[in-house]
Amino acid sequence: MFQKITLLMLVLAVVSCQKKESVEKDKIKIADWLIGNWENTSTDGVLTENWQKLNDSTFSAASYFIKGKDTIHFESIVLSQKGETLTYIATVKGQNDDKPVEFPSTAESDKQLVFENPKHDYPQKITYTKGANNTLTAEISGNLQGKPSSEKFVMTKK
């Protein structure tokens, strides 16, 4: 009888561990629509984000804004899944002593990802929304110098 109970406990432990691991690895799949090259062209210049999948739990992107022949803004982005949490990690050249800033996800769906860090100076919120016809809207928002501020960038997949 003891052997049967021990065997049953072992089987239950293995099954429960496998399911949890599968759920954890699957969480980042909700963001698969980010993968690819995205671009916004305006009179101010060209904003580009190039997203790629590094492994089962990590995506990375390079985001840059070019005006003429000058790179005005460069940002390295990592979207990482740890446990059941997605975290957007941004490193902006020339800001925050070139150290990464983490924005944990606060909402995820198959069409929108929301990341927030209320302690960051600006932005405090980053939202990606999947649109129709291969479009994506990236929005940064929060308080800037004590006033609400928001910027939207509509990008097309290239």
Protein backbone atom coordinates (compact mmCIF):
# COMPACT_ATOMS: atom_id res chain seq x y z
CA MET A 1 0.00 0.00 0.00
CA PHE A 2 2.82 2.40 0.88
CA GLN A 3 4.45 1.76 -2.52
CA LYS A 4 1.19 2.57 -4.34
CA ILE A 5 0.78 5.85 -2.46
CA THR A 6 4.42 6.79 -3.10
CA LEU A 7 4.05 6.00 -6.81
CA LEU A 8 0.83 8.03 -7.02
CA MET A 9 2.49 11.03 -5.33
CA LEU A 10 5.46 10.82 -7.71
CA VAL A 11 3.20 10.70 -10.78
CA LEU A 12 1.18 13.69 -9.55
CA ALA A 13 4.35 15.68 -8.87
CA VAL A 14 5.71 15.01 -12.37
CA VAL A 15 2.42 15.86 -14.09
CA SER A 16 1.96 19.11 -12.16
CA CYS A 17 5.54 20.23 -12.89
CA GLN A 18 5.19 19.58 -16.61
CA LYS A 19 2.01 21.59 -16.90
CA LYS A 20 3.45 24.59 -15.05
CA GLU A 21 6.59 24.60 -17.20
CA SER A 22 4.47 24.51 -20.37
CA VAL A 23 2.32 27.45 -19.20
CA GLU A 24 5.41 29.45 -18.27
CA LYS A 25 7.05 28.96 -21.66
CA ASP A 26 3.80 29.67 -23.51
CA LYS A 27 3.14 33.10 -21.96
CA ILE A 28 5.54 34.96 -24.29
CA LYS A 29 3.86 33.43 -27.35
CA ILE A 30 1.09 36.00 -26.93
CA ALA A 31 3.64 38.57 -28.20
CA ASP A 32 4.66 36.66 -31.36
CA TRP A 33 2.99 39.34 -33.49
CA LEU A 34 5.81 41.75 -32.53
CA ILE A 35 8.38 39.70 -34.45
CA GLY A 36 9.54 41.46 -37.60
CA ASN A 37 10.67 44.84 -38.87
CA TRP A 38 8.39 47.81 -38.15
CA GLU A 39 8.73 51.33 -39.53
CA ASN A 40 7.16 54.78 -39.18
CA THR A 41 8.15 57.45 -41.68
CA SER A 42 7.28 61.08 -40.98
CA THR A 43 8.61 64.52 -41.84
CA ASP A 44 10.68 64.30 -38.64
CA GLY A 45 12.49 61.14 -39.76
CA VAL A 46 12.22 57.35 -39.69
CA LEU A 47 11.45 55.30 -36.58
CA THR A 48 12.33 51.61 -36.87
CA GLU A 49 11.90 48.68 -34.49
CA ASN A 50 13.35 45.31 -35.45
CA TRP A 51 12.04 42.47 -33.25
CA GLN A 52 13.46 38.95 -33.19
CA LYS A 53 12.97 35.83 -31.11
CA LEU A 54 16.13 34.85 -29.23
CA ASN A 55 14.73 31.73 -27.52
CA ASP A 56 11.55 30.31 -25.94
CA SER A 57 11.43 33.03 -23.28
CA THR A 58 13.16 36.07 -24.79
CA PHE A 59 12.58 38.49 -27.66
CA SER A 60 14.89 41.39 -28.46
CA ALA A 61 14.58 44.55 -30.50
CA ALA A 62 16.62 47.47 -31.70
CA SER A 63 14.69 50.71 -31.91
CA TYR A 64 16.17 53.74 -33.57
CA PHE A 65 15.09 57.09 -34.96
CA ILE A 66 17.01 58.48 -37.90
CA LYS A 67 16.74 62.02 -39.24
CA GLY A 68 18.66 62.49 -42.45
CA LYS A 69 21.89 60.60 -41.82
CA ASP A 70 21.90 61.12 -38.04
CA THR A 71 20.73 58.58 -35.48
CA ILE A 72 18.81 60.75 -33.01
CA HIS A 73 17.67 57.96 -30.68
CA PHE A 74 18.80 54.36 -30.11
CA GLU A 75 17.22 51.88 -27.72
CA SER A 76 17.89 48.20 -27.04
CA ILE A 77 14.82 46.29 -25.91
CA VAL A 78 14.45 42.86 -24.35
CA LEU A 79 11.06 41.25 -23.79
CA SER A 80 11.63 38.48 -21.29
CA GLN A 81 9.45 35.93 -19.59
CA LYS A 82 10.39 34.89 -16.08
CA GLY A 83 7.87 32.61 -14.45
CA GLU A 84 4.50 33.90 -15.55
CA THR A 85 5.58 37.55 -15.89
CA LEU A 86 6.54 39.32 -19.11
CA THR A 87 8.98 42.18 -18.62
CA TYR A 88 9.92 44.87 -21.13
CA ILE A 89 13.52 45.94 -20.48
CA ALA A 90 14.69 49.11 -22.23
CA THR A 91 18.23 50.44 -22.42
CA VAL A 92 18.40 53.89 -24.00
CA LYS A 93 21.75 55.28 -25.03
CA GLY A 94 22.46 58.46 -23.07
CA GLN A 95 19.67 57.96 -20.52
CA ASN A 96 19.62 56.44 -17.03
CA ASP A 97 23.43 56.09 -17.13
CA ASP A 98 22.92 53.61 -20.00
CA LYS A 99 21.39 51.14 -17.50
CA PRO A 100 18.33 49.02 -18.33
CA VAL A 101 14.90 50.00 -17.02
CA GLU A 102 12.32 47.27 -16.39
CA PHE A 103 8.61 47.60 -17.15
CA PRO A 104 6.63 44.55 -15.93
CA SER A 105 3.50 43.70 -17.91
CA THR A 106 0.20 44.82 -16.45
CA ALA A 107 -2.04 43.51 -19.26
CA GLU A 108 -1.60 41.12 -22.16
CA SER A 109 -3.89 40.00 -24.96
CA ASP A 110 -3.44 38.74 -28.49
CA LYS A 111 -3.76 42.37 -29.70
CA GLN A 112 -2.25 44.48 -26.93
CA LEU A 113 0.66 44.46 -24.49
CA VAL A 114 0.89 46.96 -21.62
CA PHE A 115 4.01 47.49 -19.50
CA GLU A 116 4.30 49.88 -16.54
CA ASN A 117 6.93 51.23 -14.19
CA PRO A 118 5.45 54.04 -12.04
CA LYS A 119 8.88 54.79 -10.54
CA HIS A 120 10.49 55.67 -13.89
CA ASP A 121 10.78 59.37 -14.78
CA TYR A 122 9.25 59.04 -18.28
CA PRO A 123 7.55 57.12 -19.67
CA GLN A 124 5.79 55.21 -16.94
CA LYS A 125 3.68 53.21 -19.38
CA ILE A 126 4.49 51.52 -22.70
CA THR A 127 1.70 50.03 -24.82
CA TYR A 128 1.92 48.03 -28.03
CA THR A 129 -1.32 47.53 -29.97
CA LYS A 130 -1.65 45.28 -33.01
CA GLY A 131 -3.67 46.98 -35.73
CA ALA A 132 -5.17 45.96 -39.05
CA ASN A 133 -3.21 45.69 -42.29
CA ASN A 134 0.16 44.85 -40.68
CA THR A 135 0.24 47.90 -38.44
CA LEU A 136 1.36 48.32 -34.86
CA THR A 137 0.93 51.31 -32.56
CA ALA A 138 3.56 51.93 -29.91
CA GLU A 139 2.51 54.43 -27.26
CA ILE A 140 4.55 55.86 -24.42
CA SER A 141 2.77 57.80 -21.70
CA GLY A 142 2.95 59.09 -18.17
CA ASN A 143 3.79 62.27 -16.32
CA LEU A 144 6.52 64.42 -17.83
CA GLN A 145 7.65 67.30 -15.65
CA GLY A 146 4.45 66.99 -13.62
CA LYS A 147 2.09 67.01 -16.61
CA PRO A 148 0.35 64.12 -18.39
CA SER A 149 2.06 63.31 -21.68
CA SER A 150 1.57 60.74 -24.41
CA GLU A 151 3.18 59.95 -27.76
CA LYS A 152 1.89 57.46 -30.36
CA PHE A 153 3.87 55.91 -33.18
CA VAL A 154 1.97 53.97 -35.84
CA MET A 155 4.32 51.56 -37.60
CA THR A 156 3.91 49.32 -40.62
CA LYS A 157 5.48 45.88 -40.95
CA LYS A 158 8.16 45.79 -43.64
